[in-house]
Structure formats: structure tokens, C-alpha cells
C-alpha atoms as a PDB file:
ATOM      1  CA  UNK A   1     -68.795 -63.464  28.540  1.00  0.00           C
ATOM      2  CA  UNK A   2     -71.919 -63.015  30.599  1.00  0.00           C
ATOM      3  CA  UNK A   3     -73.060 -59.827  32.289  1.00  0.00           C
ATOM      4  CA  UNK A   4     -72.385 -59.866  36.029  1.00  0.00           C
ATOM      5  CA  UNK A   5     -74.776 -57.015  36.824  1.00  0.00           C
ATOM      6  CA  UNK A   6     -72.089 -54.537  37.884  1.00  0.00           C
ATOM      7  CA  UNK A   7     -74.209 -51.609  36.520  1.00  0.00           C
ATOM      8  CA  UNK A   8     -71.230 -49.670  35.097  1.00  0.00           C
ATOM      9  CA  UNK A   9     -72.843 -49.423  31.641  1.00  0.00           C
ATOM     10  CA  UNK A  10     -76.186 -48.424  33.175  1.00  0.00           C
ATOM     11  CA  UNK A  11     -74.596 -45.525  35.038  1.00  0.00           C
ATOM     12  CA  UNK A  12     -72.595 -44.315  32.033  1.00  0.00           C
ATOM     13  CA  UNK A  13     -75.229 -44.579  29.269  1.00  0.00           C
ATOM     14  CA  UNK A  14     -78.543 -44.332  31.118  1.00  0.00           C
ATOM     15  CA  UNK A  15     -80.698 -43.955  28.017  1.00  0.00           C
ATOM     16  CA  UNK A  16     -79.223 -47.040  26.353  1.00  0.00           C
ATOM     17  CA  UNK A  17     -78.817 -49.613  29.138  1.00  0.00           C
ATOM     18  CA  UNK A  18     -80.978 -50.635  32.067  1.00  0.00           C
ATOM     19  CA  UNK A  19     -80.642 -53.261  34.771  1.00  0.00           C
ATOM     20  CA  UNK A  20     -83.204 -55.994  34.279  1.00  0.00           C
ATOM     21  CA  UNK A  21     -84.590 -56.457  37.800  1.00  0.00           C
ATOM     22  CA  UNK A  22     -85.700 -60.072  37.372  1.00  0.00           C
ATOM     23  CA  UNK A  23     -82.298 -61.386  36.256  1.00  0.00           C
ATOM     24  CA  UNK A  24     -79.922 -58.711  37.587  1.00  0.00           C
ATOM     25  CA  UNK A  25     -78.349 -58.236  34.152  1.00  0.00           C
ATOM     26  CA  UNK A  26     -77.860 -55.142  32.049  1.00  0.00           C
ATOM     27  CA  UNK A  27     -79.844 -54.969  28.821  1.00  0.00           C
ATOM     28  CA  UNK A  28     -80.091 -52.502  25.986  1.00  0.00           C
ATOM     29  CA  UNK A  29     -83.360 -50.639  26.197  1.00  0.00           C
ATOM     30  CA  UNK A  30     -82.770 -48.326  23.228  1.00  0.00           C
ATOM     31  CA  UNK A  31     -80.114 -48.777  20.549  1.00  0.00           C
ATOM     32  CA  UNK A  32     -79.788 -45.036  19.928  1.00  0.00           C
ATOM     33  CA  UNK A  33     -80.461 -43.860  23.474  1.00  0.00           C
ATOM     34  CA  UNK A  34     -77.156 -42.031  23.921  1.00  0.00           C
ATOM     35  CA  UNK A  35     -74.405 -40.559  21.777  1.00  0.00           C
ATOM     36  CA  UNK A  36     -72.049 -43.123  20.249  1.00  0.00           C
ATOM     37  CA  UNK A  37     -69.114 -41.868  22.330  1.00  0.00           C
ATOM     38  CA  UNK A  38     -71.069 -42.366  25.541  1.00  0.00           C
ATOM     39  CA  UNK A  39     -72.142 -45.867  24.518  1.00  0.00           C
ATOM     40  CA  UNK A  40     -68.521 -46.681  23.696  1.00  0.00           C
ATOM     41  CA  UNK A  41     -67.492 -45.430  27.140  1.00  0.00           C
ATOM     42  CA  UNK A  42     -70.092 -47.757  28.683  1.00  0.00           C
ATOM     43  CA  UNK A  43     -68.686 -50.639  26.621  1.00  0.00           C
ATOM     44  CA  UNK A  44     -65.165 -49.779  27.747  1.00  0.00           C
ATOM     45  CA  UNK A  45     -66.192 -49.800  31.437  1.00  0.00           C
ATOM     46  CA  UNK A  46     -67.550 -53.361  31.283  1.00  0.00           C
ATOM     47  CA  UNK A  47     -65.269 -55.467  33.516  1.00  0.00           C
ATOM     48  CA  UNK A  48     -66.167 -58.724  31.733  1.00  0.00           C
ATOM     49  CA  UNK A  49     -66.173 -57.327  28.183  1.00  0.00           C
ATOM     50  CA  UNK A  50     -69.644 -58.637  27.350  1.00  0.00           C
ATOM     51  CA  UNK A  51     -70.962 -55.592  25.426  1.00  0.00           C
ATOM     52  CA  UNK A  52     -70.267 -55.398  21.716  1.00  0.00           C
ATOM     53  CA  UNK A  53     -71.336 -53.327  18.744  1.00  0.00           C
ATOM     54  CA  UNK A  54     -73.563 -55.292  16.384  1.00  0.00           C
ATOM     55  CA  UNK A  55     -74.166 -54.302  12.787  1.00  0.00           C
ATOM     56  CA  UNK A  56     -77.797 -53.229  12.446  1.00  0.00           C
ATOM     57  CA  UNK A  57     -78.339 -55.649   9.548  1.00  0.00           C
ATOM     58  CA  UNK A  58     -77.415 -58.563  11.852  1.00  0.00           C
ATOM     59  CA  UNK A  59     -79.389 -57.311  14.839  1.00  0.00           C
ATOM     60  CA  UNK A  60     -82.712 -58.915  13.907  1.00  0.00           C
ATOM     61  CA  UNK A  61     -81.080 -62.346  13.484  1.00  0.00           C
ATOM     62  CA  UNK A  62     -79.258 -61.990  16.808  1.00  0.00           C
ATOM     63  CA  UNK A  63     -82.465 -61.004  18.600  1.00  0.00           C
ATOM     64  CA  UNK A  64     -84.286 -63.977  17.060  1.00  0.00           C
ATOM     65  CA  UNK A  65     -81.526 -66.372  18.160  1.00  0.00           C
ATOM     66  CA  UNK A  66     -81.636 -64.996  21.700  1.00  0.00           C
ATOM     67  CA  UNK A  67     -85.423 -64.975  21.947  1.00  0.00           C
ATOM     68  CA  UNK A  68     -85.532 -68.298  23.819  1.00  0.00           C
ATOM     69  CA  UNK A  69     -82.393 -67.724  25.840  1.00  0.00           C
ATOM     70  CA  UNK A  70     -82.807 -68.613  29.491  1.00  0.00           C
ATOM     71  CA  UNK A  71     -81.073 -65.967  31.576  1.00  0.00           C
ATOM     72  CA  UNK A  72     -80.018 -67.114  35.035  1.00  0.00           C
ATOM     73  CA  UNK A  73     -80.315 -64.739  37.957  1.00  0.00           C
ATOM     74  CA  UNK A  74     -76.971 -63.040  38.637  1.00  0.00           C
ATOM     75  CA  UNK A  75     -75.132 -64.498  41.601  1.00  0.00           C
ATOM     76  CA  UNK A  76     -76.925 -67.861  41.576  1.00  0.00           C
ATOM     77  CA  UNK A  77     -75.536 -71.163  40.275  1.00  0.00           C
ATOM     78  CA  UNK A  78     -76.623 -72.206  36.796  1.00  0.00           C
ATOM     79  CA  UNK A  79     -78.440 -75.496  36.390  1.00  0.00           C
ATOM     80  CA  UNK A  80     -77.581 -76.250  32.741  1.00  0.00           C
ATOM     81  CA  UNK A  81     -80.117 -79.073  32.383  1.00  0.00           C
ATOM     82  CA  UNK A  82     -82.968 -76.923  33.629  1.00  0.00           C
ATOM     83  CA  UNK A  83     -81.896 -74.021  31.431  1.00  0.00           C
ATOM     84  CA  UNK A  84     -81.867 -76.237  28.327  1.00  0.00           C
ATOM     85  CA  UNK A  85     -85.299 -77.703  29.138  1.00  0.00           C
ATOM     86  CA  UNK A  86     -86.791 -74.237  29.599  1.00  0.00           C
ATOM     87  CA  UNK A  87     -85.228 -73.032  26.369  1.00  0.00           C
ATOM     88  CA  UNK A  88     -86.533 -76.014  24.380  1.00  0.00           C
ATOM     89  CA  UNK A  89     -90.016 -75.657  25.904  1.00  0.00           C
ATOM     90  CA  UNK A  90     -90.166 -71.953  25.041  1.00  0.00           C
ATOM     91  CA  UNK A  91     -88.981 -72.622  21.497  1.00  0.00           C
ATOM     92  CA  UNK A  92     -91.517 -75.413  21.016  1.00  0.00           C
ATOM     93  CA  UNK A  93     -94.318 -73.225  22.362  1.00  0.00           C
ATOM     94  CA  UNK A  94     -93.465 -70.361  19.982  1.00  0.00           C
ATOM     95  CA  UNK A  95     -93.317 -72.741  17.001  1.00  0.00           C
ATOM     96  CA  UNK A  96     -96.813 -73.977  17.811  1.00  0.00           C
ATOM     97  CA  UNK A  97     -98.193 -70.427  17.809  1.00  0.00           C
END
């Protein structure tokens, strides 16, 4: 599922999650920002179940895979073609560097 920007997690675990102002989505700002129980409570409050625990050994790979992800602004329609073009362009640019 995709974050809908409800801010529940941000209000529960303030040192772990923040609302990205450009896209209106919650993001993790610090993996160990709050106690595990508080982070779990934030996960449990997510109405679309889009927050999951990730094993630390798999985190780097996940972050690399998501590096070129195009994140649409919450509440606006998604233009899939445009999103794919932007993602490919960003990936190509990073490979050239």
C-alpha cells in the first residue's frame, strides 16, 4: 500500500517519522528515533498498513531500490507514464555519474 499522509505515525512516533512536505507522505527520518514499542504503535495506527519492519541487513538494498522512486503528491492523480519516465531519467543520470 501507499502512504496517504494521514500523519498518525508522525504523531505517535515523532522522532522516527516525519511528514515529507513536498509529497505529503510520511517517511522515516531516524530508524532508532523512538522505543520499539512506540514505533510498533505507530505501525499499528496506519490505516493503509504501509509501514513494515525491515531487517537491517536488507535495509541498504531496499533504500537502493527505492532511490529512483517517483513519489506522487498525496491527493493528486498519478500519471504512470510520467512517473516511469522520471524514474528512468533519474536512474540513467545516476549511472552516468
